[in-house]
Amino acid sequence: MPNRSTISTNKAPAAIGTYSQAIKTGDTVYLSGQIPLDPDTMELVEGDVATHIRRVFDNLNAVCEAAGGSLQQLVKLNIYLTDLSHFQLVNSIMAEYFEQPYPARAAVGVASLPKDSVVEMDAIMVLN
């Protein structure tokens, strides 16, 4: 088994199943999916879709920081949306959080997400 360590922070929602917030192996960190949960209440944040998207980026950022990195070190980002009409909104909000070079990315339309969320994201980060 490869040398790996668990990444955990109380600044992002606790795992609600049999998974870790992130796993680090070597210089690579695999971040589990984040939905727009408030880490303090473990409930979906209130507000519009933009608020939900920002909460997901904030949650991912907290896990990146706990691993010793930042969103800027993401090399792959997967975005899951229950309504692909929100894709352009994701793009505009993503520009608030990232600078070029942007991570490789996929956006996938899905039928449903945990806790009836409208958005979920997971990522891969490489530490410098």
Protein backbone atom coordinates (compact mmCIF):
# COMPACT_ATOMS: atom_id res chain seq x y z
CA MET A 1 0.00 0.00 0.00
CA PRO A 2 1.39 3.45 -0.89
CA ASN A 3 2.37 5.87 1.87
CA ARG A 4 -0.68 8.06 2.44
CA SER A 5 -2.06 10.39 5.07
CA THR A 6 -5.52 11.67 5.89
CA ILE A 7 -6.25 15.39 5.60
CA SER A 8 -8.91 16.79 7.90
CA THR A 9 -10.08 20.24 8.95
CA ASN A 10 -13.01 21.60 10.93
CA LYS A 11 -13.13 24.54 8.48
CA ALA A 12 -14.86 22.28 5.97
CA PRO A 13 -17.78 19.91 6.53
CA ALA A 14 -16.91 16.67 8.28
CA ALA A 15 -17.17 13.51 6.24
CA ILE A 16 -20.74 12.21 6.36
CA GLY A 17 -19.85 8.69 5.28
CA THR A 18 -17.01 6.24 4.95
CA TYR A 19 -14.51 8.60 3.35
CA SER A 20 -11.90 11.24 4.24
CA GLN A 21 -12.01 14.93 3.37
CA ALA A 22 -8.78 14.30 1.45
CA ILE A 23 -5.96 11.81 1.13
CA LYS A 24 -2.35 12.83 0.49
CA THR A 25 0.07 10.47 -1.18
CA GLY A 26 3.45 11.90 -2.11
CA ASP A 27 2.87 15.44 -3.39
CA THR A 28 -0.64 14.64 -4.62
CA VAL A 29 -3.80 15.34 -2.63
CA TYR A 30 -7.13 13.81 -3.65
CA LEU A 31 -10.02 15.93 -2.35
CA SER A 32 -13.38 14.28 -1.78
CA GLY A 33 -16.54 15.85 -3.13
CA GLN A 34 -17.81 18.93 -1.35
CA ILE A 35 -21.38 20.17 -1.37
CA PRO A 36 -22.48 23.56 0.02
CA LEU A 37 -22.63 22.49 3.66
CA ASP A 38 -21.86 24.96 6.40
CA PRO A 39 -19.09 23.25 8.39
CA ASP A 40 -20.53 24.49 11.69
CA THR A 41 -24.11 23.32 11.21
CA MET A 42 -23.59 20.55 8.61
CA GLU A 43 -26.68 21.92 6.83
CA LEU A 44 -26.87 23.32 3.31
CA VAL A 45 -26.21 27.05 3.31
CA GLU A 46 -29.19 29.26 2.65
CA GLY A 47 -29.23 31.41 -0.43
CA ASP A 48 -29.20 31.27 -4.19
CA VAL A 49 -27.18 29.00 -6.47
CA ALA A 50 -24.27 31.47 -6.48
CA THR A 51 -24.10 31.27 -2.68
CA HIS A 52 -24.02 27.47 -2.92
CA ILE A 53 -21.23 27.50 -5.52
CA ARG A 54 -19.13 29.89 -3.42
CA ARG A 55 -19.61 27.69 -0.31
CA VAL A 56 -18.34 24.68 -2.25
CA PHE A 57 -15.22 26.60 -3.36
CA ASP A 58 -14.72 27.80 0.23
CA ASN A 59 -15.00 24.21 1.50
CA LEU A 60 -12.52 22.96 -1.09
CA ASN A 61 -10.15 25.79 -0.22
CA ALA A 62 -10.28 24.90 3.49
CA VAL A 63 -9.28 21.32 2.69
CA CYS A 64 -6.52 22.53 0.36
CA GLU A 65 -5.15 24.75 3.13
CA ALA A 66 -5.31 21.89 5.65
CA ALA A 67 -3.12 19.91 3.24
CA GLY A 68 -0.63 22.78 2.97
CA GLY A 69 -1.80 24.11 -0.39
CA SER A 70 -4.36 26.33 -2.06
CA LEU A 71 -6.94 26.26 -4.83
CA GLN A 72 -4.22 27.56 -7.18
CA GLN A 73 -2.51 24.18 -6.90
CA LEU A 74 -5.52 22.21 -8.14
CA VAL A 75 -4.66 20.36 -11.33
CA LYS A 76 -8.08 18.74 -11.86
CA LEU A 77 -11.54 19.91 -10.84
CA ASN A 78 -14.76 17.95 -11.35
CA ILE A 79 -18.05 19.82 -11.11
CA TYR A 80 -21.39 18.06 -10.79
CA LEU A 81 -24.57 20.08 -11.39
CA THR A 82 -28.20 19.02 -11.19
CA ASP A 83 -28.96 21.79 -13.73
CA LEU A 84 -26.35 22.46 -16.41
CA SER A 85 -27.89 25.87 -17.06
CA HIS A 86 -25.83 26.97 -14.01
CA PHE A 87 -22.58 26.20 -15.86
CA GLN A 88 -21.95 29.84 -16.88
CA LEU A 89 -22.52 30.93 -13.27
CA VAL A 90 -19.91 28.40 -12.15
CA ASN A 91 -17.51 29.86 -14.73
CA SER A 92 -17.98 33.43 -13.53
CA ILE A 93 -17.63 32.50 -9.85
CA MET A 94 -14.64 30.27 -10.59
CA ALA A 95 -12.88 33.37 -11.99
CA GLU A 96 -13.16 34.92 -8.49
CA TYR A 97 -11.25 32.00 -6.95
CA PHE A 98 -8.70 31.02 -9.61
CA GLU A 99 -6.03 32.59 -11.77
CA GLN A 100 -4.49 31.18 -14.92
CA PRO A 101 -3.38 28.55 -15.49
CA TYR A 102 -6.77 27.12 -14.55
CA PRO A 103 -7.05 23.46 -13.54
CA ALA A 104 -8.21 20.86 -16.03
CA ARG A 105 -11.94 20.50 -15.50
CA ALA A 106 -15.02 18.46 -16.20
CA ALA A 107 -18.63 19.56 -15.72
CA VAL A 108 -21.20 16.81 -15.50
CA GLY A 109 -24.98 17.00 -15.32
CA VAL A 110 -26.39 14.61 -12.73
CA ALA A 111 -29.90 13.65 -11.66
CA SER A 112 -29.34 14.24 -7.94
CA LEU A 113 -26.70 14.93 -5.30
CA PRO A 114 -26.42 14.29 -1.55
CA LYS A 115 -28.82 16.32 0.63
CA ASP A 116 -30.56 17.58 -2.54
CA SER A 117 -27.61 19.87 -3.28
CA VAL A 118 -27.49 21.55 -6.69
CA VAL A 119 -23.68 21.40 -6.94
CA GLU A 120 -20.80 19.18 -5.84
CA MET A 121 -17.09 19.40 -6.68
CA ASP A 122 -14.06 17.21 -6.10
CA ALA A 123 -10.46 17.86 -7.08
CA ILE A 124 -6.86 16.74 -7.31
CA MET A 125 -4.11 19.01 -6.00
CA VAL A 126 -0.35 18.75 -6.50
CA LEU A 127 1.73 20.47 -3.84
CA ASN A 128 4.80 22.38 -5.03
